[in-house]
Amino acid sequence: MKPFEISRLYDAPRERVWQAWTEPARLKQWWSPRGFTVHTLKLDLRPGGTCLYGMKAPDGSDMWGKLVYREIKAPEKLVFIVSFSDPQGGVTRHPMSPHWPRYMLSTVEFTEESARKTRVKVTWIPEEATDVERKTFDDGREGMKQGWGGTLDQLEAYLTR
């Protein structure tokens, strides 16, 4: 299966971009698709640690997600499993796509392209997925492009503030 990949070049030093991804107060300011706002974010940044976050959708509904960190190599790479969750961190199904994979293996790489430019590359692939879930993932690439694109736009807006 071909992973989903998206990358963006930011006009910010790698250390600052890394902090935006790894410090709760910073992450809470941008970690959501466009139109969503994060109201809750609890971060335990270590292998085996979690990030539990709650977002308010544009329609006013709540959506929860959870990251479970597998690898942290500051300031170069984060590897984690992403799942939709309930407010207690229990894994749930995607609220609008019942066949979406329960677990997504995410790799985020931070590459210093100059003293003030950092490339962020996100790679996503289903983990422990059924055939139906893998097909849903493949069919959902345009939505992932929009969702991740909006999230990376939010990061850009945060970094320029």
N, C-alpha and C. Protein backbone atom coordinates (compact mmCIF):
# COMPACT_ATOMS: atom_id res chain seq x y z
N MET A 1 0.84 -1.19 0.00
CA MET A 1 0.00 0.00 0.00
C MET A 1 0.88 1.24 0.00
N LYS A 2 0.50 2.19 -0.82
CA LYS A 2 1.24 3.45 -0.93
C LYS A 2 0.81 4.38 0.21
N PRO A 3 1.79 4.91 0.97
CA PRO A 3 1.43 5.85 2.03
C PRO A 3 0.96 7.17 1.45
N PHE A 4 0.25 7.93 2.27
CA PHE A 4 -0.11 9.31 1.95
C PHE A 4 1.03 10.18 2.45
N GLU A 5 1.49 11.12 1.61
CA GLU A 5 2.55 12.03 2.01
C GLU A 5 2.18 13.46 1.65
N ILE A 6 2.56 14.35 2.53
CA ILE A 6 2.38 15.78 2.27
C ILE A 6 3.56 16.50 2.94
N SER A 7 4.07 17.55 2.29
CA SER A 7 5.16 18.29 2.91
C SER A 7 4.95 19.78 2.68
N ARG A 8 5.60 20.55 3.52
CA ARG A 8 5.48 22.00 3.46
C ARG A 8 6.79 22.60 3.92
N LEU A 9 7.22 23.66 3.25
CA LEU A 9 8.42 24.39 3.63
C LEU A 9 8.00 25.62 4.42
N TYR A 10 8.56 25.76 5.62
CA TYR A 10 8.22 26.88 6.50
C TYR A 10 9.40 27.83 6.63
N ASP A 11 9.08 29.11 6.74
CA ASP A 11 10.07 30.14 6.95
C ASP A 11 10.27 30.30 8.46
N ALA A 12 10.89 29.27 9.05
CA ALA A 12 11.14 29.27 10.49
C ALA A 12 12.25 28.27 10.78
N PRO A 13 13.07 28.54 11.79
CA PRO A 13 14.12 27.59 12.15
C PRO A 13 13.53 26.27 12.64
N ARG A 14 14.27 25.19 12.42
CA ARG A 14 13.77 23.86 12.78
C ARG A 14 13.40 23.76 14.26
N GLU A 15 14.18 24.34 15.13
CA GLU A 15 13.89 24.26 16.57
C GLU A 15 12.52 24.86 16.89
N ARG A 16 12.18 25.96 16.24
CA ARG A 16 10.88 26.61 16.47
C ARG A 16 9.73 25.73 15.95
N VAL A 17 9.93 25.12 14.79
CA VAL A 17 8.91 24.23 14.23
C VAL A 17 8.75 23.01 15.13
N TRP A 18 9.86 22.46 15.60
CA TRP A 18 9.82 21.31 16.52
C TRP A 18 9.04 21.67 17.78
N GLN A 19 9.30 22.84 18.35
CA GLN A 19 8.58 23.27 19.55
C GLN A 19 7.07 23.36 19.29
N ALA A 20 6.70 23.82 18.11
CA ALA A 20 5.27 23.93 17.77
C ALA A 20 4.59 22.56 17.79
N TRP A 21 5.34 21.51 17.48
CA TRP A 21 4.79 20.15 17.45
C TRP A 21 4.89 19.44 18.81
N THR A 22 5.73 19.93 19.72
CA THR A 22 6.03 19.14 20.92
C THR A 22 5.76 19.84 22.24
N GLU A 23 5.33 21.09 22.22
CA GLU A 23 5.01 21.80 23.46
C GLU A 23 3.50 22.05 23.49
N PRO A 24 2.81 21.58 24.54
CA PRO A 24 1.35 21.63 24.56
C PRO A 24 0.74 23.00 24.28
N ALA A 25 1.26 24.06 24.91
CA ALA A 25 0.68 25.39 24.72
C ALA A 25 0.80 25.84 23.27
N ARG A 26 1.87 25.46 22.61
CA ARG A 26 2.06 25.82 21.20
C ARG A 26 1.19 24.94 20.30
N LEU A 27 1.23 23.63 20.53
CA LEU A 27 0.48 22.68 19.71
C LEU A 27 -1.02 22.99 19.72
N LYS A 28 -1.52 23.36 20.87
CA LYS A 28 -2.95 23.65 21.02
C LYS A 28 -3.40 24.81 20.13
N GLN A 29 -2.49 25.71 19.78
CA GLN A 29 -2.85 26.89 19.00
C GLN A 29 -3.07 26.60 17.52
N TRP A 30 -2.57 25.46 17.01
CA TRP A 30 -2.67 25.23 15.57
C TRP A 30 -3.08 23.81 15.17
N TRP A 31 -3.08 22.85 16.07
CA TRP A 31 -3.26 21.43 15.75
C TRP A 31 -4.72 21.12 15.44
N SER A 32 -5.18 21.51 14.28
CA SER A 32 -6.55 21.18 13.86
C SER A 32 -6.72 21.56 12.40
N PRO A 33 -7.66 20.90 11.73
CA PRO A 33 -7.98 21.35 10.37
C PRO A 33 -8.59 22.76 10.42
N ARG A 34 -8.58 23.43 9.31
CA ARG A 34 -9.13 24.78 9.21
C ARG A 34 -10.60 24.76 9.68
N GLY A 35 -10.96 25.75 10.49
CA GLY A 35 -12.33 25.86 10.97
C GLY A 35 -12.56 25.18 12.31
N PHE A 36 -11.65 24.32 12.75
CA PHE A 36 -11.74 23.65 14.04
C PHE A 36 -10.91 24.41 15.06
N THR A 37 -11.26 24.28 16.34
CA THR A 37 -10.45 24.85 17.41
C THR A 37 -10.22 23.78 18.47
N VAL A 38 -9.00 23.73 18.99
CA VAL A 38 -8.65 22.77 20.03
C VAL A 38 -9.06 23.36 21.38
N HIS A 39 -9.88 22.62 22.13
CA HIS A 39 -10.27 23.10 23.46
C HIS A 39 -9.57 22.34 24.58
N THR A 40 -9.05 21.16 24.29
CA THR A 40 -8.37 20.34 25.30
C THR A 40 -7.16 19.70 24.65
N LEU A 41 -6.03 19.72 25.33
CA LEU A 41 -4.84 19.04 24.83
C LEU A 41 -3.97 18.65 26.02
N LYS A 42 -3.77 17.34 26.18
CA LYS A 42 -2.91 16.81 27.25
C LYS A 42 -1.81 16.03 26.56
N LEU A 43 -0.55 16.40 26.85
CA LEU A 43 0.59 15.84 26.14
C LEU A 43 1.59 15.21 27.10
N ASP A 44 1.95 13.96 26.83
CA ASP A 44 3.00 13.23 27.54
C ASP A 44 3.99 12.78 26.47
N LEU A 45 4.95 13.65 26.16
CA LEU A 45 5.86 13.45 25.03
C LEU A 45 7.02 12.54 25.41
N ARG A 46 6.82 11.25 25.19
CA ARG A 46 7.86 10.23 25.41
C ARG A 46 7.39 8.98 24.67
N PRO A 47 8.30 8.10 24.29
CA PRO A 47 7.85 6.86 23.67
C PRO A 47 6.87 6.13 24.60
N GLY A 48 5.71 5.78 24.07
CA GLY A 48 4.66 5.18 24.87
C GLY A 48 3.71 6.21 25.47
N GLY A 49 4.10 7.48 25.46
CA GLY A 49 3.26 8.56 25.97
C GLY A 49 2.18 8.91 24.96
N THR A 50 1.23 9.72 25.40
CA THR A 50 0.10 10.06 24.55
C THR A 50 -0.13 11.57 24.47
N CYS A 51 -0.86 11.93 23.45
CA CYS A 51 -1.41 13.27 23.32
C CYS A 51 -2.90 13.07 23.11
N LEU A 52 -3.72 13.51 24.02
CA LEU A 52 -5.17 13.44 23.91
C LEU A 52 -5.68 14.85 23.65
N TYR A 53 -6.47 14.99 22.58
CA TYR A 53 -6.94 16.33 22.24
C TYR A 53 -8.41 16.30 21.86
N GLY A 54 -9.09 17.38 22.21
CA GLY A 54 -10.48 17.58 21.84
C GLY A 54 -10.60 18.84 21.01
N MET A 55 -11.42 18.74 19.94
CA MET A 55 -11.61 19.88 19.03
C MET A 55 -13.09 20.17 18.88
N LYS A 56 -13.38 21.44 18.68
CA LYS A 56 -14.74 21.86 18.35
C LYS A 56 -14.78 22.05 16.83
N ALA A 57 -15.73 21.34 16.19
CA ALA A 57 -15.91 21.42 14.75
C ALA A 57 -16.69 22.68 14.40
N PRO A 58 -16.64 23.11 13.13
CA PRO A 58 -17.40 24.30 12.72
C PRO A 58 -18.89 24.20 13.03
N ASP A 59 -19.45 22.98 13.03
CA ASP A 59 -20.88 22.81 13.33
C ASP A 59 -21.17 22.78 14.83
N GLY A 60 -20.11 22.95 15.65
CA GLY A 60 -20.28 22.97 17.10
C GLY A 60 -20.10 21.63 17.78
N SER A 61 -19.97 20.56 17.01
CA SER A 61 -19.79 19.23 17.61
C SER A 61 -18.36 19.06 18.10
N ASP A 62 -18.20 18.13 19.03
CA ASP A 62 -16.88 17.80 19.57
C ASP A 62 -16.30 16.61 18.83
N MET A 63 -14.99 16.63 18.62
CA MET A 63 -14.28 15.51 18.03
C MET A 63 -13.01 15.32 18.86
N TRP A 64 -12.69 14.06 19.16
CA TRP A 64 -11.52 13.75 19.99
C TRP A 64 -10.55 12.88 19.21
N GLY A 65 -9.27 13.04 19.54
CA GLY A 65 -8.24 12.23 18.92
C GLY A 65 -7.14 11.93 19.92
N LYS A 66 -6.36 10.92 19.57
CA LYS A 66 -5.28 10.50 20.45
C LYS A 66 -4.07 10.11 19.61
N LEU A 67 -2.90 10.52 20.07
CA LEU A 67 -1.63 10.09 19.51
C LEU A 67 -0.93 9.22 20.55
N VAL A 68 -0.30 8.15 20.11
CA VAL A 68 0.56 7.35 20.99
C VAL A 68 1.95 7.37 20.35
N TYR A 69 2.89 7.98 21.07
CA TYR A 69 4.23 8.18 20.52
C TYR A 69 5.03 6.89 20.52
N ARG A 70 5.67 6.61 19.39
CA ARG A 70 6.56 5.45 19.26
C ARG A 70 8.02 5.86 19.24
N GLU A 71 8.31 6.98 18.58
CA GLU A 71 9.70 7.43 18.46
C GLU A 71 9.74 8.95 18.50
N ILE A 72 10.71 9.47 19.24
CA ILE A 72 10.92 10.91 19.34
C ILE A 72 12.42 11.14 19.17
N LYS A 73 12.78 11.79 18.09
CA LYS A 73 14.19 12.08 17.83
C LYS A 73 14.31 13.59 17.58
N ALA A 74 14.49 14.33 18.68
CA ALA A 74 14.53 15.79 18.60
C ALA A 74 15.77 16.25 17.85
N PRO A 75 15.68 17.26 17.01
CA PRO A 75 14.47 17.89 16.47
C PRO A 75 14.15 17.37 15.06
N GLU A 76 14.37 16.08 14.84
CA GLU A 76 14.32 15.52 13.49
C GLU A 76 13.05 14.77 13.14
N LYS A 77 12.51 14.02 14.10
CA LYS A 77 11.43 13.10 13.71
C LYS A 77 10.53 12.74 14.88
N LEU A 78 9.23 12.64 14.57
CA LEU A 78 8.23 12.10 15.49
C LEU A 78 7.53 10.96 14.77
N VAL A 79 7.33 9.86 15.48
CA VAL A 79 6.55 8.73 14.95
C VAL A 79 5.49 8.41 15.98
N PHE A 80 4.22 8.35 15.54
CA PHE A 80 3.13 8.10 16.46
C PHE A 80 1.97 7.43 15.74
N ILE A 81 1.10 6.81 16.53
CA ILE A 81 -0.15 6.23 16.03
C ILE A 81 -1.26 7.23 16.32
N VAL A 82 -2.07 7.52 15.31
CA VAL A 82 -3.20 8.44 15.46
C VAL A 82 -4.49 7.64 15.44
N SER A 83 -5.40 7.96 16.35
CA SER A 83 -6.73 7.34 16.40
C SER A 83 -7.76 8.40 16.77
N PHE A 84 -8.98 8.19 16.34
CA PHE A 84 -10.08 8.96 16.91
C PHE A 84 -10.32 8.36 18.29
N SER A 85 -10.84 9.18 19.20
CA SER A 85 -11.02 8.69 20.56
C SER A 85 -12.22 9.34 21.22
N ASP A 86 -12.50 8.85 22.42
CA ASP A 86 -13.48 9.51 23.28
C ASP A 86 -12.70 10.42 24.23
N PRO A 87 -13.39 11.22 25.04
CA PRO A 87 -12.68 12.15 25.93
C PRO A 87 -11.74 11.46 26.95
N GLN A 88 -11.94 10.16 27.19
CA GLN A 88 -11.08 9.43 28.12
C GLN A 88 -9.88 8.78 27.41
N GLY A 89 -9.81 8.90 26.08
CA GLY A 89 -8.69 8.32 25.34
C GLY A 89 -8.95 6.93 24.79
N GLY A 90 -10.19 6.43 24.93
CA GLY A 90 -10.53 5.15 24.34
C GLY A 90 -10.66 5.28 22.82
N VAL A 91 -10.11 4.33 22.08
CA VAL A 91 -10.13 4.40 20.61
C VAL A 91 -11.56 4.21 20.10
N THR A 92 -11.96 5.09 19.18
CA THR A 92 -13.29 5.02 18.57
C THR A 92 -13.15 5.05 17.05
N ARG A 93 -14.27 4.91 16.38
CA ARG A 93 -14.31 5.00 14.92
C ARG A 93 -14.39 6.47 14.50
N HIS A 94 -13.97 6.74 13.28
CA HIS A 94 -14.11 8.08 12.67
C HIS A 94 -15.60 8.43 12.74
N PRO A 95 -15.95 9.61 13.23
CA PRO A 95 -17.37 9.95 13.41
C PRO A 95 -18.16 10.05 12.10
N MET A 96 -17.49 10.27 10.97
CA MET A 96 -18.22 10.41 9.71
C MET A 96 -17.82 9.35 8.68
N SER A 97 -16.91 8.44 9.04
CA SER A 97 -16.44 7.42 8.10
C SER A 97 -16.20 6.12 8.87
N PRO A 98 -17.24 5.28 9.00
CA PRO A 98 -17.13 4.09 9.84
C PRO A 98 -16.09 3.07 9.38
N HIS A 99 -15.64 3.16 8.14
CA HIS A 99 -14.64 2.21 7.65
C HIS A 99 -13.23 2.80 7.59
N TRP A 100 -13.07 4.01 8.16
CA TRP A 100 -11.75 4.61 8.23
C TRP A 100 -10.88 3.76 9.16
N PRO A 101 -9.58 3.56 8.84
CA PRO A 101 -8.72 2.77 9.73
C PRO A 101 -8.71 3.32 11.15
N ARG A 102 -8.77 2.40 12.10
CA ARG A 102 -8.74 2.81 13.51
C ARG A 102 -7.39 3.40 13.91
N TYR A 103 -6.32 2.90 13.28
CA TYR A 103 -4.96 3.31 13.64
C TYR A 103 -4.21 3.76 12.40
N MET A 104 -3.61 4.95 12.50
CA MET A 104 -2.79 5.49 11.41
C MET A 104 -1.37 5.68 11.93
N LEU A 105 -0.41 5.06 11.26
CA LEU A 105 0.99 5.26 11.61
C LEU A 105 1.45 6.55 10.95
N SER A 106 1.89 7.50 11.76
CA SER A 106 2.29 8.82 11.28
C SER A 106 3.77 9.05 11.55
N THR A 107 4.46 9.50 10.53
CA THR A 107 5.86 9.90 10.67
C THR A 107 5.95 11.35 10.23
N VAL A 108 6.52 12.17 11.09
CA VAL A 108 6.70 13.59 10.78
C VAL A 108 8.20 13.86 10.84
N GLU A 109 8.74 14.32 9.70
CA GLU A 109 10.17 14.59 9.61
C GLU A 109 10.38 16.10 9.46
N PHE A 110 11.39 16.60 10.17
CA PHE A 110 11.73 18.02 10.19
C PHE A 110 13.13 18.17 9.60
N THR A 111 13.21 18.75 8.40
CA THR A 111 14.48 18.87 7.71
C THR A 111 14.86 20.34 7.60
N GLU A 112 16.05 20.67 8.12
CA GLU A 112 16.55 22.03 8.05
C GLU A 112 17.08 22.27 6.63
N GLU A 113 16.45 23.17 5.90
CA GLU A 113 16.90 23.46 4.54
C GLU A 113 17.81 24.67 4.49
N SER A 114 17.77 25.49 5.51
CA SER A 114 18.71 26.60 5.72
C SER A 114 18.51 27.03 7.17
N ALA A 115 19.23 28.05 7.59
CA ALA A 115 19.11 28.50 8.99
C ALA A 115 17.69 28.93 9.33
N ARG A 116 16.93 29.38 8.33
CA ARG A 116 15.58 29.89 8.60
C ARG A 116 14.48 29.13 7.87
N LYS A 117 14.79 28.03 7.23
CA LYS A 117 13.78 27.28 6.47
C LYS A 117 13.75 25.84 6.96
N THR A 118 12.54 25.35 7.20
CA THR A 118 12.36 23.98 7.67
C THR A 118 11.29 23.30 6.84
N ARG A 119 11.60 22.12 6.33
CA ARG A 119 10.61 21.31 5.61
C ARG A 119 10.02 20.31 6.59
N VAL A 120 8.70 20.26 6.62
CA VAL A 120 7.97 19.28 7.41
C VAL A 120 7.33 18.31 6.42
N LYS A 121 7.61 17.03 6.59
CA LYS A 121 7.01 16.00 5.75
C LYS A 121 6.23 15.05 6.65
N VAL A 122 4.94 14.88 6.32
CA VAL A 122 4.07 13.98 7.06
C VAL A 122 3.79 12.77 6.18
N THR A 123 3.99 11.58 6.73
CA THR A 123 3.68 10.33 6.04
C THR A 123 2.67 9.58 6.88
N TRP A 124 1.61 9.11 6.22
CA TRP A 124 0.51 8.42 6.90
C TRP A 124 0.25 7.09 6.23
N ILE A 125 0.08 6.04 7.02
CA ILE A 125 -0.29 4.73 6.46
C ILE A 125 -1.10 3.97 7.50
N PRO A 126 -2.14 3.26 7.07
CA PRO A 126 -2.94 2.50 8.03
C PRO A 126 -2.10 1.43 8.73
N GLU A 127 -2.41 1.20 9.98
CA GLU A 127 -1.76 0.18 10.80
C GLU A 127 -2.85 -0.80 11.26
N GLU A 128 -2.56 -2.09 11.18
CA GLU A 128 -3.52 -3.14 11.61
C GLU A 128 -4.87 -2.96 10.91
N ALA A 129 -4.86 -2.63 9.62
CA ALA A 129 -6.10 -2.31 8.91
C ALA A 129 -6.65 -3.53 8.16
N THR A 130 -7.97 -3.55 8.06
CA THR A 130 -8.64 -4.56 7.24
C THR A 130 -8.58 -4.14 5.77
N ASP A 131 -8.96 -5.04 4.88
CA ASP A 131 -9.00 -4.70 3.45
C ASP A 131 -9.94 -3.52 3.20
N VAL A 132 -11.10 -3.52 3.86
CA VAL A 132 -12.07 -2.43 3.69
C VAL A 132 -11.47 -1.11 4.19
N GLU A 133 -10.79 -1.15 5.31
CA GLU A 133 -10.16 0.06 5.85
C GLU A 133 -9.05 0.57 4.92
N ARG A 134 -8.26 -0.34 4.35
CA ARG A 134 -7.20 0.08 3.42
C ARG A 134 -7.80 0.72 2.17
N LYS A 135 -8.91 0.17 1.68
CA LYS A 135 -9.58 0.75 0.51
C LYS A 135 -10.13 2.14 0.87
N THR A 136 -10.73 2.27 2.05
CA THR A 136 -11.25 3.56 2.49
C THR A 136 -10.12 4.58 2.56
N PHE A 137 -8.97 4.15 3.07
CA PHE A 137 -7.79 5.02 3.11
C PHE A 137 -7.39 5.46 1.70
N ASP A 138 -7.27 4.50 0.79
CA ASP A 138 -6.89 4.84 -0.59
C ASP A 138 -7.90 5.78 -1.24
N ASP A 139 -9.17 5.54 -1.00
CA ASP A 139 -10.22 6.39 -1.58
C ASP A 139 -10.28 7.76 -0.92
N GLY A 140 -9.69 7.91 0.26
CA GLY A 140 -9.79 9.15 1.02
C GLY A 140 -8.62 10.10 0.84
N ARG A 141 -7.78 9.87 -0.16
CA ARG A 141 -6.58 10.70 -0.31
C ARG A 141 -6.89 12.18 -0.52
N GLU A 142 -7.93 12.50 -1.26
CA GLU A 142 -8.27 13.91 -1.48
C GLU A 142 -8.68 14.58 -0.17
N GLY A 143 -9.45 13.87 0.65
CA GLY A 143 -9.84 14.39 1.96
C GLY A 143 -8.64 14.57 2.88
N MET A 144 -7.69 13.61 2.82
CA MET A 144 -6.48 13.74 3.64
C MET A 144 -5.68 14.96 3.19
N LYS A 145 -5.62 15.17 1.88
CA LYS A 145 -4.89 16.33 1.35
C LYS A 145 -5.51 17.63 1.88
N GLN A 146 -6.84 17.68 1.89
CA GLN A 146 -7.52 18.88 2.41
C GLN A 146 -7.33 19.02 3.92
N GLY A 147 -7.52 17.92 4.66
CA GLY A 147 -7.40 17.97 6.12
C GLY A 147 -5.99 18.33 6.56
N TRP A 148 -5.00 17.59 6.03
CA TRP A 148 -3.62 17.89 6.40
C TRP A 148 -3.20 19.24 5.85
N GLY A 149 -3.65 19.59 4.64
CA GLY A 149 -3.32 20.90 4.07
C GLY A 149 -3.80 22.02 4.96
N GLY A 150 -5.03 21.91 5.45
CA GLY A 150 -5.57 22.93 6.36
C GLY A 150 -4.81 22.98 7.67
N THR A 151 -4.44 21.82 8.20
CA THR A 151 -3.68 21.77 9.45
C THR A 151 -2.31 22.40 9.27
N LEU A 152 -1.65 22.08 8.16
CA LEU A 152 -0.34 22.68 7.91
C LEU A 152 -0.44 24.18 7.62
N ASP A 153 -1.57 24.61 7.05
CA ASP A 153 -1.83 26.05 6.91
C ASP A 153 -1.92 26.71 8.29
N GLN A 154 -2.60 26.04 9.21
CA GLN A 154 -2.74 26.57 10.57
C GLN A 154 -1.36 26.70 11.22
N LEU A 155 -0.49 25.69 10.98
CA LEU A 155 0.88 25.75 11.52
C LEU A 155 1.61 26.95 10.93
N GLU A 156 1.45 27.16 9.62
CA GLU A 156 2.12 28.30 8.98
C GLU A 156 1.65 29.62 9.59
N ALA A 157 0.35 29.76 9.80
CA ALA A 157 -0.19 30.98 10.41
C ALA A 157 0.37 31.15 11.82
N TYR A 158 0.45 30.06 12.58
CA TYR A 158 1.01 30.13 13.92
C TYR A 158 2.47 30.58 13.89
N LEU A 159 3.26 30.01 12.99
CA LEU A 159 4.69 30.32 12.93
C LEU A 159 4.96 31.75 12.48
N THR A 160 4.04 32.35 11.74
CA THR A 160 4.25 33.72 11.29
C THR A 160 3.74 34.76 12.28
N ARG A 161 3.04 34.32 13.33
CA ARG A 161 2.56 35.27 14.36
C ARG A 161 3.70 35.72 15.24
